[in-house]
Amino acid sequence: MKHLMTAALIALGGLAQAQPLLPGFDRMDVQAAHRARPLEASFYYPAANPTYMTRIGDNPIFKGVRVFMGPRFGEGRHPLVLFSHGSGGSMDNMAWLLAGLAERGAIVLTVNHPGSTSGDSSPRRSVRLDERALDLSAALDQFLAEPEFAGAVDPDRIYSLGFSLGGATALGLAGLRFDAGAYAPYCEADTARSDCAFFDKGGVDFRNLPEGFSADARDPRVTGAMVIDPAFTFVATQDSVQALDLPTLLINLGKDRRLGASDMGPEGSDFAARLPQAQYVELAPAIHFTALPECKPMAAAILEEEQDDPICTDPEGTDRGAVHAQILQAVAGFMGLE
């Protein structure tokens, strides 16, 4: 019996080794001086070996992503990405992108931003842009304080990456600043703008935004920025646009049905033209929500029953998985990953 058990364990070990090498994944708490409680953080990375498989971001609406929990880091130094989620999102709901980058050789560090996370998304707290940027800077401080982690990072290739409100955070980490005085006229010019409507529901005073909205949030360790449908480019200050000399990737989703608040093209903020050194990519057919994970078969019906946003309903002809592949290709290519 003992010999049979040994043989079985050897066989199982062989099967584990035969599995495809999924990205590594782990979680950590981040102590941040500007927050009352530790931040929830997680990181994806190239794995040196398999451990046991788990799924990140799997729920009744979204399909999850398979990862290996806590393996050793792959050999060598890797570029590191600081990822910021959107309003009402979380560090887990863009796992498809973060795990995909790890599979291609990057380390990705992300946090849950208090006040703008799923189940904790407050309009009045979401305009405190300085706090969101400080979340990621604090996470980077703690990550690099661990010798094992720091030894796996290429310090000359640290990027910020963000989606939606997280896009504003990523640009802020790269040095972009936002003009609080310009936001009230922007909203008054079109009261139907989705971002203005969201903040108005929380009683945000557009003429008296918190100081953190316009704060200098640049982290000098960031060497490049990548954004998908970012918020607030309409009110980016011209001096900070001119001073932003880091490599930058701008991605807009959709064409005919593009979210106006994140439109960086000539019919929107024209931010892509204002930042001539940036690479600008447009992907269609798609909408803002197409960046979210692939949905399960009953997801749209569940959302409709709960009177939630139609985050699983893409424009006709959209292949969400194919759009994800294009986003991943654009980001990985910009970073020079394999």
Protein backbone atom coordinates (compact mmCIF):
# COMPACT_ATOMS: atom_id res chain seq x y z
CA MET A 1 0.00 0.00 0.00
CA LYS A 2 2.85 2.35 0.91
CA HIS A 3 4.48 1.75 -2.49
CA LEU A 4 1.15 2.37 -4.27
CA MET A 5 0.72 5.70 -2.48
CA THR A 6 4.26 6.74 -3.36
CA ALA A 7 3.67 5.86 -7.01
CA ALA A 8 0.43 7.84 -6.98
CA LEU A 9 2.15 10.90 -5.53
CA ILE A 10 4.88 10.67 -8.16
CA ALA A 11 2.24 10.42 -10.86
CA LEU A 12 0.38 13.44 -9.50
CA GLY A 13 3.66 15.36 -9.35
CA GLY A 14 4.24 14.51 -12.99
CA LEU A 15 0.79 15.77 -13.92
CA ALA A 16 1.42 19.02 -12.03
CA GLN A 17 4.66 19.52 -13.92
CA ALA A 18 2.86 18.85 -17.21
CA GLN A 19 0.35 21.65 -16.62
CA PRO A 20 0.92 24.90 -18.52
CA LEU A 21 2.87 27.34 -16.38
CA LEU A 22 0.18 29.75 -15.28
CA PRO A 23 1.17 33.16 -13.89
CA GLY A 24 2.02 33.37 -10.22
CA PHE A 25 -0.27 35.28 -7.89
CA ASP A 26 -0.26 36.41 -4.29
CA ARG A 27 -1.83 38.96 -1.97
CA MET A 28 -0.41 41.38 0.58
CA ASP A 29 -1.53 44.10 3.00
CA VAL A 30 -0.04 47.55 2.43
CA GLN A 31 0.57 49.97 5.27
CA ALA A 32 -0.15 53.47 3.93
CA ALA A 33 0.22 56.61 6.04
CA HIS A 34 -2.68 58.36 4.27
CA ARG A 35 -5.16 55.53 5.00
CA ALA A 36 -6.73 54.55 8.33
CA ARG A 37 -6.49 50.83 7.56
CA PRO A 38 -4.12 48.64 5.52
CA LEU A 39 -4.77 48.48 1.79
CA GLU A 40 -5.65 45.21 0.10
CA ALA A 41 -3.10 44.50 -2.62
CA SER A 42 -2.24 41.67 -4.96
CA PHE A 43 0.41 40.91 -7.54
CA TYR A 44 0.81 38.73 -10.62
CA TYR A 45 4.19 37.58 -11.88
CA PRO A 46 6.05 35.06 -14.05
CA ALA A 47 6.18 31.78 -12.13
CA ALA A 48 9.22 29.53 -11.86
CA ASN A 49 7.19 26.46 -10.90
CA PRO A 50 3.61 25.29 -10.42
CA THR A 51 1.94 25.23 -7.02
CA TYR A 52 -1.83 24.84 -6.80
CA MET A 53 -4.31 26.47 -9.12
CA THR A 54 -6.97 28.97 -8.09
CA ARG A 55 -9.25 31.41 -9.94
CA ILE A 56 -9.20 35.18 -9.54
CA GLY A 57 -12.24 37.33 -10.30
CA ASP A 58 -14.68 34.47 -10.75
CA ASN A 59 -18.26 35.32 -9.71
CA PRO A 60 -21.86 34.90 -10.97
CA ILE A 61 -21.29 37.63 -13.58
CA PHE A 62 -17.67 37.32 -14.72
CA LYS A 63 -15.43 34.45 -15.73
CA GLY A 64 -12.33 34.12 -13.58
CA VAL A 65 -8.69 33.63 -14.53
CA ARG A 66 -6.54 30.68 -13.50
CA VAL A 67 -3.29 31.36 -11.62
CA PHE A 68 -0.79 29.49 -9.46
CA MET A 69 -0.87 30.66 -5.86
CA GLY A 70 2.46 31.82 -4.45
CA PRO A 71 5.13 30.06 -6.56
CA ARG A 72 8.73 31.24 -6.79
CA PHE A 73 9.45 34.17 -9.11
CA GLY A 74 10.74 33.36 -12.57
CA GLU A 75 14.44 34.01 -13.08
CA GLY A 76 15.75 37.43 -14.05
CA ARG A 77 14.46 40.96 -13.65
CA HIS A 78 11.04 41.87 -14.97
CA PRO A 79 9.23 45.10 -15.80
CA LEU A 80 6.72 46.08 -13.15
CA VAL A 81 3.25 47.53 -13.76
CA LEU A 82 1.22 49.51 -11.21
CA PHE A 83 -2.44 48.94 -12.09
CA SER A 84 -5.36 51.14 -10.99
CA HIS A 85 -8.94 49.88 -11.35
CA GLY A 86 -11.93 51.98 -12.37
CA SER A 87 -14.74 53.48 -10.29
CA GLY A 88 -16.75 50.66 -8.76
CA GLY A 89 -14.21 48.09 -9.90
CA SER A 90 -11.66 46.11 -7.95
CA MET A 91 -8.14 44.76 -8.16
CA ASP A 92 -9.57 41.39 -9.23
CA ASN A 93 -11.96 42.34 -12.03
CA MET A 94 -9.26 43.06 -14.62
CA ALA A 95 -7.44 39.81 -13.86
CA TRP A 96 -7.62 38.82 -17.54
CA LEU A 97 -5.28 41.70 -18.41
CA LEU A 98 -2.99 41.50 -15.39
CA ALA A 99 -2.51 37.75 -15.64
CA GLY A 100 -1.97 38.08 -19.38
CA LEU A 101 0.86 40.55 -18.81
CA ALA A 102 2.42 38.24 -16.21
CA GLU A 103 2.31 35.38 -18.71
CA ARG A 104 4.35 37.60 -21.04
CA GLY A 105 6.99 38.40 -18.46
CA ALA A 106 5.76 41.36 -16.37
CA ILE A 107 5.07 41.76 -12.67
CA VAL A 108 1.78 43.55 -12.01
CA LEU A 109 1.03 45.15 -8.63
CA THR A 110 -2.50 46.38 -7.89
CA VAL A 111 -4.65 47.54 -4.96
CA ASN A 112 -8.26 48.06 -3.98
CA HIS A 113 -8.76 51.84 -3.78
CA PRO A 114 -10.94 52.63 -0.73
CA GLY A 115 -13.93 54.76 -1.65
CA SER A 116 -14.04 53.71 -5.30
CA THR A 117 -14.05 49.92 -5.08
CA SER A 118 -16.92 47.52 -5.78
CA GLY A 119 -19.35 47.80 -2.88
CA ASP A 120 -17.51 50.89 -1.61
CA SER A 121 -17.80 53.34 -4.50
CA SER A 122 -18.55 56.84 -3.25
CA PRO A 123 -18.75 59.79 -5.68
CA ARG A 124 -17.36 62.25 -3.14
CA ARG A 125 -14.38 60.02 -2.29
CA SER A 126 -13.62 59.11 -5.91
CA VAL A 127 -12.51 62.66 -6.77
CA ARG A 128 -9.66 62.47 -4.26
CA LEU A 129 -7.21 61.54 -6.99
CA ASP A 130 -4.14 62.08 -4.83
CA GLU A 131 -5.21 59.28 -2.47
CA ARG A 132 -5.56 56.79 -5.33
CA ALA A 133 -2.08 57.58 -6.60
CA LEU A 134 -0.63 57.39 -3.09
CA ASP A 135 -2.20 53.93 -2.72
CA LEU A 136 -0.03 52.61 -5.54
CA SER A 137 3.10 54.48 -4.50
CA ALA A 138 2.75 52.98 -1.00
CA ALA A 139 2.23 49.52 -2.50
CA LEU A 140 5.38 49.96 -4.58
CA ASP A 141 7.34 51.09 -1.52
CA GLN A 142 6.35 47.96 0.39
CA PHE A 143 6.84 45.63 -2.56
CA LEU A 144 10.38 46.88 -3.16
CA ALA A 145 11.16 46.59 0.56
CA GLU A 146 10.93 42.78 0.22
CA PRO A 147 14.33 41.54 -1.02
CA GLU A 148 12.82 38.59 -2.90
CA PHE A 149 10.41 40.87 -4.75
CA ALA A 150 12.83 43.73 -5.35
CA GLY A 151 15.36 41.35 -6.86
CA ALA A 152 12.82 40.37 -9.52
CA VAL A 153 12.08 43.96 -10.63
CA ASP A 154 13.79 45.92 -13.38
CA PRO A 155 13.80 49.41 -11.79
CA ASP A 156 14.24 51.07 -15.18
CA ARG A 157 10.95 49.62 -16.46
CA ILE A 158 8.19 50.60 -14.02
CA TYR A 159 4.90 51.54 -15.70
CA SER A 160 1.53 52.82 -14.56
CA LEU A 161 -1.59 51.32 -16.13
CA GLY A 162 -5.23 52.18 -15.51
CA PHE A 163 -8.77 51.76 -16.77
CA SER A 164 -11.43 54.50 -16.59
CA LEU A 165 -10.96 56.40 -13.30
CA GLY A 166 -7.84 54.29 -12.90
CA GLY A 167 -6.59 55.81 -16.14
CA ALA A 168 -6.56 59.23 -14.49
CA THR A 169 -4.62 57.67 -11.61
CA ALA A 170 -2.08 56.13 -14.00
CA LEU A 171 -1.60 59.44 -15.82
CA GLY A 172 -1.26 61.24 -12.49
CA LEU A 173 1.53 58.86 -11.45
CA ALA A 174 3.27 59.80 -14.71
CA GLY A 175 3.00 63.53 -13.94
CA LEU A 176 -0.32 64.70 -15.43
CA ARG A 177 -2.33 67.14 -13.31
CA PHE A 178 -6.00 68.07 -13.46
CA ASP A 179 -7.55 71.53 -13.28
CA ALA A 180 -10.26 71.62 -10.60
CA GLY A 181 -11.41 75.02 -11.83
CA ALA A 182 -12.15 73.64 -15.29
CA TYR A 183 -14.40 70.81 -14.13
CA ALA A 184 -17.53 72.86 -13.34
CA PRO A 185 -17.59 74.50 -16.82
CA TYR A 186 -16.97 71.08 -18.38
CA CYS A 187 -19.98 69.58 -16.59
CA GLU A 188 -22.18 72.63 -17.16
CA ALA A 189 -21.49 72.43 -20.89
CA ASP A 190 -23.11 68.99 -21.03
CA THR A 191 -25.08 67.90 -17.97
CA ALA A 192 -25.62 64.45 -19.50
CA ARG A 193 -21.94 63.52 -19.28
CA SER A 194 -21.72 60.18 -17.46
CA ASP A 195 -18.92 61.23 -15.12
CA CYS A 196 -20.67 64.47 -14.12
CA ALA A 197 -23.93 62.59 -13.50
CA PHE A 198 -22.15 60.07 -11.25
CA PHE A 199 -20.48 62.74 -9.13
CA ASP A 200 -23.64 64.86 -9.01
CA LYS A 201 -25.51 61.92 -7.44
CA GLY A 202 -23.11 62.18 -4.51
CA GLY A 203 -23.55 65.92 -4.16
CA VAL A 204 -20.01 66.69 -5.34
CA ASP A 205 -19.57 70.47 -5.60
CA PHE A 206 -17.83 70.90 -8.96
CA ARG A 207 -16.78 74.44 -8.01
CA ASN A 208 -15.22 73.30 -4.75
CA LEU A 209 -13.41 70.05 -5.46
CA PRO A 210 -10.94 68.74 -2.87
CA GLU A 211 -7.33 69.84 -3.19
CA GLY A 212 -6.33 66.28 -3.98
CA PHE A 213 -8.08 66.49 -7.34
CA SER A 214 -5.36 68.83 -8.63
CA ALA A 215 -2.45 67.49 -6.60
CA ASP A 216 0.91 66.61 -8.09
CA ALA A 217 0.83 62.81 -7.77
CA ARG A 218 3.87 61.95 -9.86
CA ASP A 219 5.96 59.03 -8.71
CA PRO A 220 9.49 59.52 -10.14
CA ARG A 221 10.00 55.76 -10.33
CA VAL A 222 7.36 55.49 -13.09
CA THR A 223 8.99 55.39 -16.53
CA GLY A 224 5.91 55.09 -18.75
CA ALA A 225 2.11 55.20 -18.65
CA MET A 226 -0.65 53.16 -20.32
CA VAL A 227 -4.36 53.96 -20.10
CA ILE A 228 -7.65 52.51 -21.33
CA ASP A 229 -10.58 54.95 -21.62
CA PRO A 230 -9.18 57.28 -18.91
CA ALA A 231 -11.25 59.82 -16.99
CA PHE A 232 -10.64 63.58 -16.73
CA THR A 233 -8.46 64.17 -19.80
CA PHE A 234 -10.83 67.05 -20.65
CA VAL A 235 -9.44 68.97 -17.67
CA ALA A 236 -5.76 68.02 -17.88
CA THR A 237 -3.66 71.14 -17.34
CA GLN A 238 -1.79 72.29 -20.42
CA ASP A 239 1.48 72.83 -18.57
CA SER A 240 1.46 69.26 -17.22
CA VAL A 241 0.56 67.91 -20.68
CA GLN A 242 3.55 69.73 -22.16
CA ALA A 243 5.81 68.49 -19.35
CA LEU A 244 4.71 64.85 -19.64
CA ASP A 245 7.61 63.42 -21.60
CA LEU A 246 7.32 59.76 -20.61
CA PRO A 247 6.37 57.11 -23.19
CA THR A 248 2.57 56.90 -23.12
CA LEU A 249 -0.01 54.51 -24.60
CA LEU A 250 -3.60 55.73 -25.00
CA ILE A 251 -6.39 53.24 -25.82
CA ASN A 252 -9.97 54.24 -26.64
CA LEU A 253 -12.75 51.68 -26.88
CA GLY A 254 -15.48 52.08 -29.47
CA LYS A 255 -16.10 54.50 -32.28
CA ASP A 256 -19.79 55.24 -32.81
CA ARG A 257 -20.69 54.39 -29.20
CA ARG A 258 -17.58 55.64 -27.41
CA LEU A 259 -18.04 56.86 -23.83
CA GLY A 260 -17.87 60.63 -24.16
CA ALA A 261 -16.20 61.18 -20.79
CA SER A 262 -13.18 59.10 -21.84
CA ASP A 263 -12.99 60.08 -25.52
CA MET A 264 -9.43 61.22 -26.26
CA GLY A 265 -10.07 61.75 -29.97
CA PRO A 266 -10.90 64.97 -31.88
CA GLU A 267 -14.59 64.78 -30.95
CA GLY A 268 -13.70 64.44 -27.28
CA SER A 269 -10.89 65.96 -25.22
CA ASP A 270 -8.43 65.71 -28.15
CA PHE A 271 -5.93 64.54 -25.55
CA ALA A 272 -4.22 62.21 -28.04
CA ALA A 273 -3.35 65.20 -30.24
CA ARG A 274 -2.28 67.29 -27.24
CA LEU A 275 0.20 64.57 -26.30
CA PRO A 276 1.98 64.07 -29.64
CA GLN A 277 4.57 61.59 -28.37
CA ALA A 278 1.85 59.16 -27.26
CA GLN A 279 0.79 56.06 -29.12
CA TYR A 280 -2.97 56.20 -29.72
CA VAL A 281 -5.04 53.07 -30.39
CA GLU A 282 -8.77 52.89 -31.18
CA LEU A 283 -10.57 49.54 -30.92
CA ALA A 284 -14.04 48.92 -32.36
CA PRO A 285 -16.67 47.60 -32.23
CA ALA A 286 -16.58 47.95 -28.48
CA ILE A 287 -17.79 50.13 -25.63
CA HIS A 288 -16.29 51.19 -22.32
CA PHE A 289 -17.58 48.07 -20.55
CA THR A 290 -15.96 45.77 -23.11
CA ALA A 291 -12.74 46.06 -21.09
CA LEU A 292 -14.38 44.22 -18.21
CA PRO A 293 -14.05 40.42 -18.00
CA GLU A 294 -15.90 38.04 -20.28
CA CYS A 295 -19.38 37.40 -18.92
CA LYS A 296 -21.07 34.14 -18.02
CA PRO A 297 -24.14 33.00 -20.02
CA MET A 298 -26.75 34.22 -17.51
CA ALA A 299 -24.92 37.42 -16.58
CA ALA A 300 -26.96 39.84 -18.71
CA ALA A 301 -30.24 38.47 -17.34
CA ILE A 302 -28.99 38.73 -13.75
CA LEU A 303 -27.91 42.34 -14.30
CA GLU A 304 -31.25 43.24 -15.88
CA GLU A 305 -33.17 41.65 -13.01
CA GLU A 306 -31.09 43.59 -10.48
CA GLN A 307 -31.48 46.81 -12.55
CA ASP A 308 -27.72 47.14 -12.73
CA ASP A 309 -25.67 48.67 -15.54
CA PRO A 310 -25.62 46.56 -18.74
CA ILE A 311 -21.93 45.81 -18.36
CA CYS A 312 -22.23 42.54 -20.30
CA THR A 313 -24.02 43.99 -23.33
CA ASP A 314 -21.57 44.89 -26.10
CA PRO A 315 -22.41 46.47 -29.49
CA GLU A 316 -23.52 44.08 -32.21
CA GLY A 317 -20.57 42.30 -33.77
CA THR A 318 -18.29 42.73 -30.75
CA ASP A 319 -16.15 39.78 -29.69
CA ARG A 320 -15.15 40.72 -26.14
CA GLY A 321 -12.44 38.08 -26.01
CA ALA A 322 -10.93 39.36 -29.27
CA VAL A 323 -10.96 42.95 -27.98
CA HIS A 324 -9.19 41.77 -24.83
CA ALA A 325 -6.54 40.12 -27.00
CA GLN A 326 -6.05 43.41 -28.90
CA ILE A 327 -5.71 45.39 -25.66
CA LEU A 328 -3.23 42.89 -24.29
CA GLN A 329 -1.25 42.94 -27.53
CA ALA A 330 -1.12 46.75 -27.52
CA VAL A 331 0.00 46.97 -23.89
CA ALA A 332 2.51 44.12 -24.12
CA GLY A 333 3.91 45.50 -27.36
CA PHE A 334 4.29 48.97 -25.87
CA MET A 335 6.29 47.45 -22.99
CA GLY A 336 8.41 45.34 -25.32
CA LEU A 337 7.20 42.04 -23.86
CA GLU A 338 7.36 38.80 -25.82
